[in-house]
Amino acid sequence: MYEAVVRIRGQLGELVTAVDPDGVSGRTARELWAEFDRIERLGAAGKTLLARRVAATHRADRSGSRTAAEELARKAGTTAGTAKDAVDTSHRLADQPELDQAVRRGEVSPPQAALVSAAAGMSG
């Protein structure tokens, strides 16, 4: 699986390098934007789903990451709070199969999933 993800990342990088925003019609720009948005959601979904495994296998490292959230935040260039939300959401998705599948299909973004899964956890 790792090799396939690396290959796709390389192909996507080549496509993004070739994007000429001024060389496409408005319609094409909108269509491409929508596809890149879906790709972004799917990438974020993969990160969210894997966050619980990263957390389960985390060890304090030389860079000073005491928690998995700190490690993920450092790697993603985000806050520890945002990374902790991803870890928490990942854990909740394991018990919320319908929401898990919507995230995997890119229908629900990870931030939306965080809100929905937290609310469902409170009511269930």
N, C-alpha and C. Protein backbone atom coordinates (compact mmCIF):
# COMPACT_ATOMS: atom_id res chain seq x y z
N MET A 1 0.82 -1.19 0.00
CA MET A 1 0.00 0.00 0.00
C MET A 1 0.87 1.26 0.00
N TYR A 2 1.95 1.22 0.78
CA TYR A 2 2.83 2.39 0.89
C TYR A 2 3.35 2.81 -0.49
N GLU A 3 3.81 1.84 -1.28
CA GLU A 3 4.36 2.15 -2.60
C GLU A 3 3.31 2.79 -3.50
N ALA A 4 2.08 2.32 -3.42
CA ALA A 4 1.01 2.89 -4.24
C ALA A 4 0.74 4.34 -3.84
N VAL A 5 0.74 4.62 -2.55
CA VAL A 5 0.51 5.99 -2.09
C VAL A 5 1.64 6.90 -2.55
N VAL A 6 2.87 6.43 -2.46
CA VAL A 6 4.02 7.23 -2.91
C VAL A 6 3.92 7.49 -4.41
N ARG A 7 3.52 6.49 -5.18
CA ARG A 7 3.37 6.65 -6.63
C ARG A 7 2.28 7.68 -6.95
N ILE A 8 1.16 7.58 -6.27
CA ILE A 8 0.07 8.53 -6.50
C ILE A 8 0.50 9.94 -6.12
N ARG A 9 1.21 10.08 -5.01
CA ARG A 9 1.71 11.40 -4.60
C ARG A 9 2.60 11.99 -5.69
N GLY A 10 3.47 11.17 -6.26
CA GLY A 10 4.34 11.64 -7.33
C GLY A 10 3.55 12.09 -8.55
N GLN A 11 2.56 11.30 -8.94
CA GLN A 11 1.72 11.65 -10.09
C GLN A 11 0.95 12.94 -9.82
N LEU A 12 0.43 13.06 -8.61
CA LEU A 12 -0.31 14.27 -8.25
C LEU A 12 0.62 15.48 -8.27
N GLY A 13 1.82 15.30 -7.76
CA GLY A 13 2.80 16.39 -7.80
C GLY A 13 3.08 16.85 -9.21
N GLU A 14 3.20 15.92 -10.14
CA GLU A 14 3.43 16.27 -11.54
C GLU A 14 2.24 17.04 -12.11
N LEU A 15 1.03 16.60 -11.78
CA LEU A 15 -0.17 17.29 -12.27
C LEU A 15 -0.26 18.71 -11.72
N VAL A 16 0.01 18.86 -10.44
CA VAL A 16 -0.07 20.19 -9.84
C VAL A 16 0.99 21.11 -10.44
N THR A 17 2.18 20.57 -10.70
CA THR A 17 3.23 21.36 -11.33
C THR A 17 2.78 21.86 -12.70
N ALA A 18 2.00 21.07 -13.40
CA ALA A 18 1.56 21.42 -14.75
C ALA A 18 0.32 22.31 -14.78
N VAL A 19 -0.31 22.55 -13.65
CA VAL A 19 -1.53 23.36 -13.63
C VAL A 19 -1.22 24.80 -14.08
N ASP A 20 -1.97 25.26 -15.07
CA ASP A 20 -1.88 26.64 -15.54
C ASP A 20 -3.25 27.27 -15.34
N PRO A 21 -3.47 27.94 -14.21
CA PRO A 21 -4.80 28.47 -13.91
C PRO A 21 -5.34 29.40 -15.00
N ASP A 22 -4.44 30.12 -15.67
CA ASP A 22 -4.89 31.06 -16.70
C ASP A 22 -5.06 30.39 -18.06
N GLY A 23 -4.70 29.11 -18.16
CA GLY A 23 -4.78 28.41 -19.43
C GLY A 23 -5.98 27.51 -19.57
N VAL A 24 -6.89 27.56 -18.60
CA VAL A 24 -8.08 26.71 -18.66
C VAL A 24 -9.32 27.60 -18.59
N SER A 25 -10.41 27.07 -19.10
CA SER A 25 -11.67 27.81 -19.04
C SER A 25 -12.17 27.88 -17.60
N GLY A 26 -13.11 28.76 -17.36
CA GLY A 26 -13.72 28.85 -16.04
C GLY A 26 -14.37 27.54 -15.65
N ARG A 27 -15.05 26.90 -16.59
CA ARG A 27 -15.71 25.62 -16.30
C ARG A 27 -14.68 24.56 -15.93
N THR A 28 -13.61 24.48 -16.70
CA THR A 28 -12.57 23.51 -16.40
C THR A 28 -11.92 23.79 -15.06
N ALA A 29 -11.72 25.07 -14.76
CA ALA A 29 -11.13 25.44 -13.47
C ALA A 29 -12.03 24.96 -12.33
N ARG A 30 -13.33 25.14 -12.47
CA ARG A 30 -14.27 24.68 -11.43
C ARG A 30 -14.25 23.16 -11.30
N GLU A 31 -14.22 22.47 -12.43
CA GLU A 31 -14.20 21.00 -12.40
C GLU A 31 -12.90 20.50 -11.76
N LEU A 32 -11.77 21.08 -12.15
CA LEU A 32 -10.49 20.69 -11.55
C LEU A 32 -10.46 21.00 -10.07
N TRP A 33 -10.98 22.16 -9.70
CA TRP A 33 -11.01 22.54 -8.29
C TRP A 33 -11.79 21.50 -7.49
N ALA A 34 -12.94 21.07 -8.02
CA ALA A 34 -13.76 20.08 -7.32
C ALA A 34 -13.01 18.76 -7.18
N GLU A 35 -12.29 18.35 -8.19
CA GLU A 35 -11.52 17.11 -8.11
C GLU A 35 -10.37 17.23 -7.11
N PHE A 36 -9.68 18.36 -7.12
CA PHE A 36 -8.62 18.56 -6.13
C PHE A 36 -9.19 18.61 -4.72
N ASP A 37 -10.39 19.15 -4.57
CA ASP A 37 -11.04 19.16 -3.26
C ASP A 37 -11.32 17.74 -2.80
N ARG A 38 -11.79 16.89 -3.68
CA ARG A 38 -12.05 15.48 -3.32
C ARG A 38 -10.74 14.78 -2.96
N ILE A 39 -9.69 15.06 -3.73
CA ILE A 39 -8.38 14.46 -3.44
C ILE A 39 -7.91 14.91 -2.06
N GLU A 40 -8.09 16.20 -1.76
CA GLU A 40 -7.69 16.73 -0.45
C GLU A 40 -8.46 16.03 0.67
N ARG A 41 -9.75 15.84 0.48
CA ARG A 41 -10.57 15.15 1.50
C ARG A 41 -10.11 13.71 1.69
N LEU A 42 -9.81 13.04 0.59
CA LEU A 42 -9.37 11.65 0.69
C LEU A 42 -8.02 11.55 1.38
N GLY A 43 -7.12 12.48 1.07
CA GLY A 43 -5.82 12.48 1.75
C GLY A 43 -5.99 12.74 3.24
N ALA A 44 -6.83 13.71 3.57
CA ALA A 44 -7.09 14.01 4.98
C ALA A 44 -7.78 12.84 5.67
N ALA A 45 -8.63 12.13 4.94
CA ALA A 45 -9.30 10.96 5.51
C ALA A 45 -8.27 9.88 5.85
N GLY A 46 -7.34 9.65 4.94
CA GLY A 46 -6.30 8.66 5.21
C GLY A 46 -5.50 9.02 6.44
N LYS A 47 -5.15 10.30 6.57
CA LYS A 47 -4.40 10.76 7.74
C LYS A 47 -5.21 10.56 9.01
N THR A 48 -6.49 10.90 8.97
CA THR A 48 -7.34 10.75 10.14
C THR A 48 -7.47 9.28 10.53
N LEU A 49 -7.72 8.42 9.56
CA LEU A 49 -7.88 7.00 9.87
C LEU A 49 -6.61 6.41 10.49
N LEU A 50 -5.46 6.81 10.00
CA LEU A 50 -4.20 6.28 10.50
C LEU A 50 -3.76 6.90 11.82
N ALA A 51 -4.37 8.00 12.21
CA ALA A 51 -3.95 8.71 13.43
C ALA A 51 -4.02 7.82 14.66
N ARG A 52 -5.03 6.96 14.75
CA ARG A 52 -5.13 6.12 15.94
C ARG A 52 -4.01 5.10 16.01
N ARG A 53 -3.55 4.62 14.87
CA ARG A 53 -2.44 3.66 14.87
C ARG A 53 -1.13 4.37 15.21
N VAL A 54 -0.95 5.57 14.69
CA VAL A 54 0.23 6.36 15.05
C VAL A 54 0.23 6.58 16.56
N ALA A 55 -0.93 6.92 17.11
CA ALA A 55 -1.03 7.16 18.55
C ALA A 55 -0.72 5.89 19.34
N ALA A 56 -1.23 4.77 18.86
CA ALA A 56 -1.03 3.51 19.59
C ALA A 56 0.43 3.06 19.59
N THR A 57 1.18 3.48 18.60
CA THR A 57 2.58 3.05 18.48
C THR A 57 3.57 4.16 18.77
N HIS A 58 3.08 5.29 19.25
CA HIS A 58 3.96 6.45 19.49
C HIS A 58 4.90 6.21 20.67
N ARG A 59 6.11 6.69 20.48
CA ARG A 59 7.10 6.75 21.56
C ARG A 59 7.70 8.14 21.53
N ALA A 60 7.99 8.67 22.71
CA ALA A 60 8.64 9.98 22.75
C ALA A 60 9.88 9.92 21.88
N ASP A 61 10.11 10.98 21.09
CA ASP A 61 11.24 10.95 20.17
C ASP A 61 12.23 12.07 20.46
N ARG A 62 13.31 12.04 19.73
CA ARG A 62 14.39 13.01 19.94
C ARG A 62 13.98 14.45 19.64
N SER A 63 12.96 14.61 18.81
CA SER A 63 12.53 15.97 18.48
C SER A 63 11.69 16.58 19.59
N GLY A 64 11.40 15.80 20.62
CA GLY A 64 10.66 16.33 21.76
C GLY A 64 9.18 16.06 21.74
N SER A 65 8.70 15.28 20.80
CA SER A 65 7.27 14.96 20.75
C SER A 65 6.94 13.96 21.85
N ARG A 66 6.27 14.45 22.88
CA ARG A 66 5.89 13.58 24.00
C ARG A 66 4.66 12.76 23.70
N THR A 67 3.81 13.27 22.81
CA THR A 67 2.57 12.58 22.47
C THR A 67 2.47 12.42 20.96
N ALA A 68 1.61 11.51 20.55
CA ALA A 68 1.37 11.33 19.12
C ALA A 68 0.82 12.61 18.50
N ALA A 69 -0.04 13.31 19.23
CA ALA A 69 -0.60 14.56 18.71
C ALA A 69 0.51 15.57 18.44
N GLU A 70 1.48 15.65 19.33
CA GLU A 70 2.60 16.57 19.10
C GLU A 70 3.40 16.15 17.87
N GLU A 71 3.63 14.85 17.73
CA GLU A 71 4.37 14.34 16.56
C GLU A 71 3.63 14.67 15.27
N LEU A 72 2.34 14.36 15.23
CA LEU A 72 1.54 14.61 14.03
C LEU A 72 1.45 16.10 13.72
N ALA A 73 1.30 16.92 14.75
CA ALA A 73 1.22 18.37 14.56
C ALA A 73 2.51 18.89 13.94
N ARG A 74 3.63 18.42 14.45
CA ARG A 74 4.92 18.87 13.94
C ARG A 74 5.07 18.49 12.47
N LYS A 75 4.72 17.26 12.14
CA LYS A 75 4.86 16.78 10.76
C LYS A 75 3.90 17.49 9.80
N ALA A 76 2.70 17.81 10.27
CA ALA A 76 1.69 18.42 9.41
C ALA A 76 1.74 19.94 9.43
N GLY A 77 2.51 20.51 10.35
CA GLY A 77 2.55 21.97 10.44
C GLY A 77 1.25 22.55 10.97
N THR A 78 0.67 21.85 11.93
CA THR A 78 -0.59 22.29 12.51
C THR A 78 -0.44 22.35 14.03
N THR A 79 -1.53 22.54 14.73
CA THR A 79 -1.46 22.61 16.19
C THR A 79 -1.64 21.23 16.79
N ALA A 80 -1.15 21.08 18.01
CA ALA A 80 -1.34 19.81 18.73
C ALA A 80 -2.83 19.56 18.97
N GLY A 81 -3.60 20.61 19.19
CA GLY A 81 -5.04 20.45 19.39
C GLY A 81 -5.73 19.89 18.16
N THR A 82 -5.36 20.38 16.99
CA THR A 82 -5.93 19.86 15.75
C THR A 82 -5.54 18.40 15.56
N ALA A 83 -4.28 18.07 15.83
CA ALA A 83 -3.82 16.69 15.70
C ALA A 83 -4.51 15.79 16.72
N LYS A 84 -4.72 16.27 17.93
CA LYS A 84 -5.42 15.48 18.94
C LYS A 84 -6.86 15.22 18.50
N ASP A 85 -7.49 16.22 17.88
CA ASP A 85 -8.84 16.01 17.35
C ASP A 85 -8.85 14.88 16.33
N ALA A 86 -7.81 14.83 15.48
CA ALA A 86 -7.73 13.76 14.47
C ALA A 86 -7.58 12.40 15.14
N VAL A 87 -6.75 12.33 16.16
CA VAL A 87 -6.56 11.06 16.88
C VAL A 87 -7.88 10.65 17.53
N ASP A 88 -8.52 11.59 18.21
CA ASP A 88 -9.80 11.29 18.88
C ASP A 88 -10.87 10.86 17.87
N THR A 89 -10.93 11.57 16.74
CA THR A 89 -11.90 11.23 15.70
C THR A 89 -11.63 9.84 15.16
N SER A 90 -10.36 9.54 14.93
CA SER A 90 -9.98 8.22 14.42
C SER A 90 -10.47 7.12 15.36
N HIS A 91 -10.30 7.32 16.65
CA HIS A 91 -10.78 6.33 17.62
C HIS A 91 -12.30 6.19 17.56
N ARG A 92 -13.01 7.31 17.49
CA ARG A 92 -14.48 7.25 17.45
C ARG A 92 -14.98 6.60 16.16
N LEU A 93 -14.30 6.85 15.04
CA LEU A 93 -14.74 6.28 13.77
C LEU A 93 -14.72 4.76 13.79
N ALA A 94 -13.87 4.18 14.60
CA ALA A 94 -13.82 2.71 14.71
C ALA A 94 -15.16 2.15 15.19
N ASP A 95 -15.92 2.96 15.91
CA ASP A 95 -17.23 2.53 16.44
C ASP A 95 -18.40 3.18 15.71
N GLN A 96 -18.11 3.90 14.63
CA GLN A 96 -19.15 4.59 13.86
C GLN A 96 -18.99 4.24 12.37
N PRO A 97 -19.37 3.02 11.99
CA PRO A 97 -19.07 2.53 10.65
C PRO A 97 -19.68 3.34 9.50
N GLU A 98 -20.86 3.87 9.69
CA GLU A 98 -21.46 4.66 8.61
C GLU A 98 -20.68 5.95 8.37
N LEU A 99 -20.31 6.62 9.44
CA LEU A 99 -19.51 7.84 9.32
C LEU A 99 -18.13 7.51 8.79
N ASP A 100 -17.56 6.40 9.27
CA ASP A 100 -16.25 5.96 8.79
C ASP A 100 -16.27 5.79 7.27
N GLN A 101 -17.30 5.15 6.75
CA GLN A 101 -17.40 4.94 5.30
C GLN A 101 -17.59 6.26 4.54
N ALA A 102 -18.35 7.19 5.09
CA ALA A 102 -18.53 8.49 4.45
C ALA A 102 -17.20 9.25 4.38
N VAL A 103 -16.40 9.13 5.43
CA VAL A 103 -15.07 9.76 5.43
C VAL A 103 -14.20 9.10 4.37
N ARG A 104 -14.22 7.79 4.31
CA ARG A 104 -13.40 7.04 3.34
C ARG A 104 -13.78 7.37 1.90
N ARG A 105 -15.04 7.69 1.66
CA ARG A 105 -15.49 8.05 0.31
C ARG A 105 -15.24 9.52 -0.01
N GLY A 106 -14.80 10.28 0.97
CA GLY A 106 -14.57 11.71 0.75
C GLY A 106 -15.83 12.54 0.76
N GLU A 107 -16.91 11.97 1.26
CA GLU A 107 -18.20 12.68 1.32
C GLU A 107 -18.26 13.62 2.52
N VAL A 108 -17.52 13.28 3.56
CA VAL A 108 -17.46 14.06 4.79
C VAL A 108 -16.00 14.36 5.06
N SER A 109 -15.69 15.61 5.28
CA SER A 109 -14.30 15.97 5.57
C SER A 109 -13.96 15.56 7.00
N PRO A 110 -12.69 15.35 7.28
CA PRO A 110 -12.31 15.02 8.66
C PRO A 110 -12.78 16.05 9.69
N PRO A 111 -12.71 17.36 9.42
CA PRO A 111 -13.26 18.29 10.42
C PRO A 111 -14.77 18.10 10.63
N GLN A 112 -15.50 17.83 9.56
CA GLN A 112 -16.93 17.55 9.71
C GLN A 112 -17.13 16.26 10.51
N ALA A 113 -16.32 15.25 10.20
CA ALA A 113 -16.42 13.98 10.91
C ALA A 113 -16.13 14.15 12.39
N ALA A 114 -15.18 15.02 12.72
CA ALA A 114 -14.86 15.27 14.13
C ALA A 114 -16.09 15.78 14.87
N LEU A 115 -16.78 16.73 14.26
CA LEU A 115 -17.98 17.29 14.90
C LEU A 115 -19.09 16.26 15.01
N VAL A 116 -19.35 15.55 13.92
CA VAL A 116 -20.43 14.57 13.91
C VAL A 116 -20.14 13.42 14.86
N SER A 117 -18.90 12.92 14.83
CA SER A 117 -18.57 11.77 15.67
C SER A 117 -18.59 12.14 17.14
N ALA A 118 -18.15 13.35 17.47
CA ALA A 118 -18.19 13.80 18.87
C ALA A 118 -19.64 13.93 19.34
N ALA A 119 -20.48 14.52 18.49
CA ALA A 119 -21.89 14.68 18.87
C ALA A 119 -22.57 13.32 19.01
N ALA A 120 -22.27 12.41 18.11
CA ALA A 120 -22.86 11.07 18.20
C ALA A 120 -22.37 10.34 19.44
N GLY A 121 -21.12 10.58 19.81
CA GLY A 121 -20.59 9.96 21.02
C GLY A 121 -21.25 10.48 22.28
N MET A 122 -21.67 11.74 22.26
CA MET A 122 -22.33 12.33 23.42
C MET A 122 -23.75 11.80 23.57
N SER A 123 -24.40 11.55 22.41
CA SER A 123 -25.79 11.13 22.48
C SER A 123 -25.93 9.61 22.60
N GLY A 124 -24.83 8.89 22.32
CA GLY A 124 -24.95 7.43 22.31
C GLY A 124 -24.38 6.87 23.48
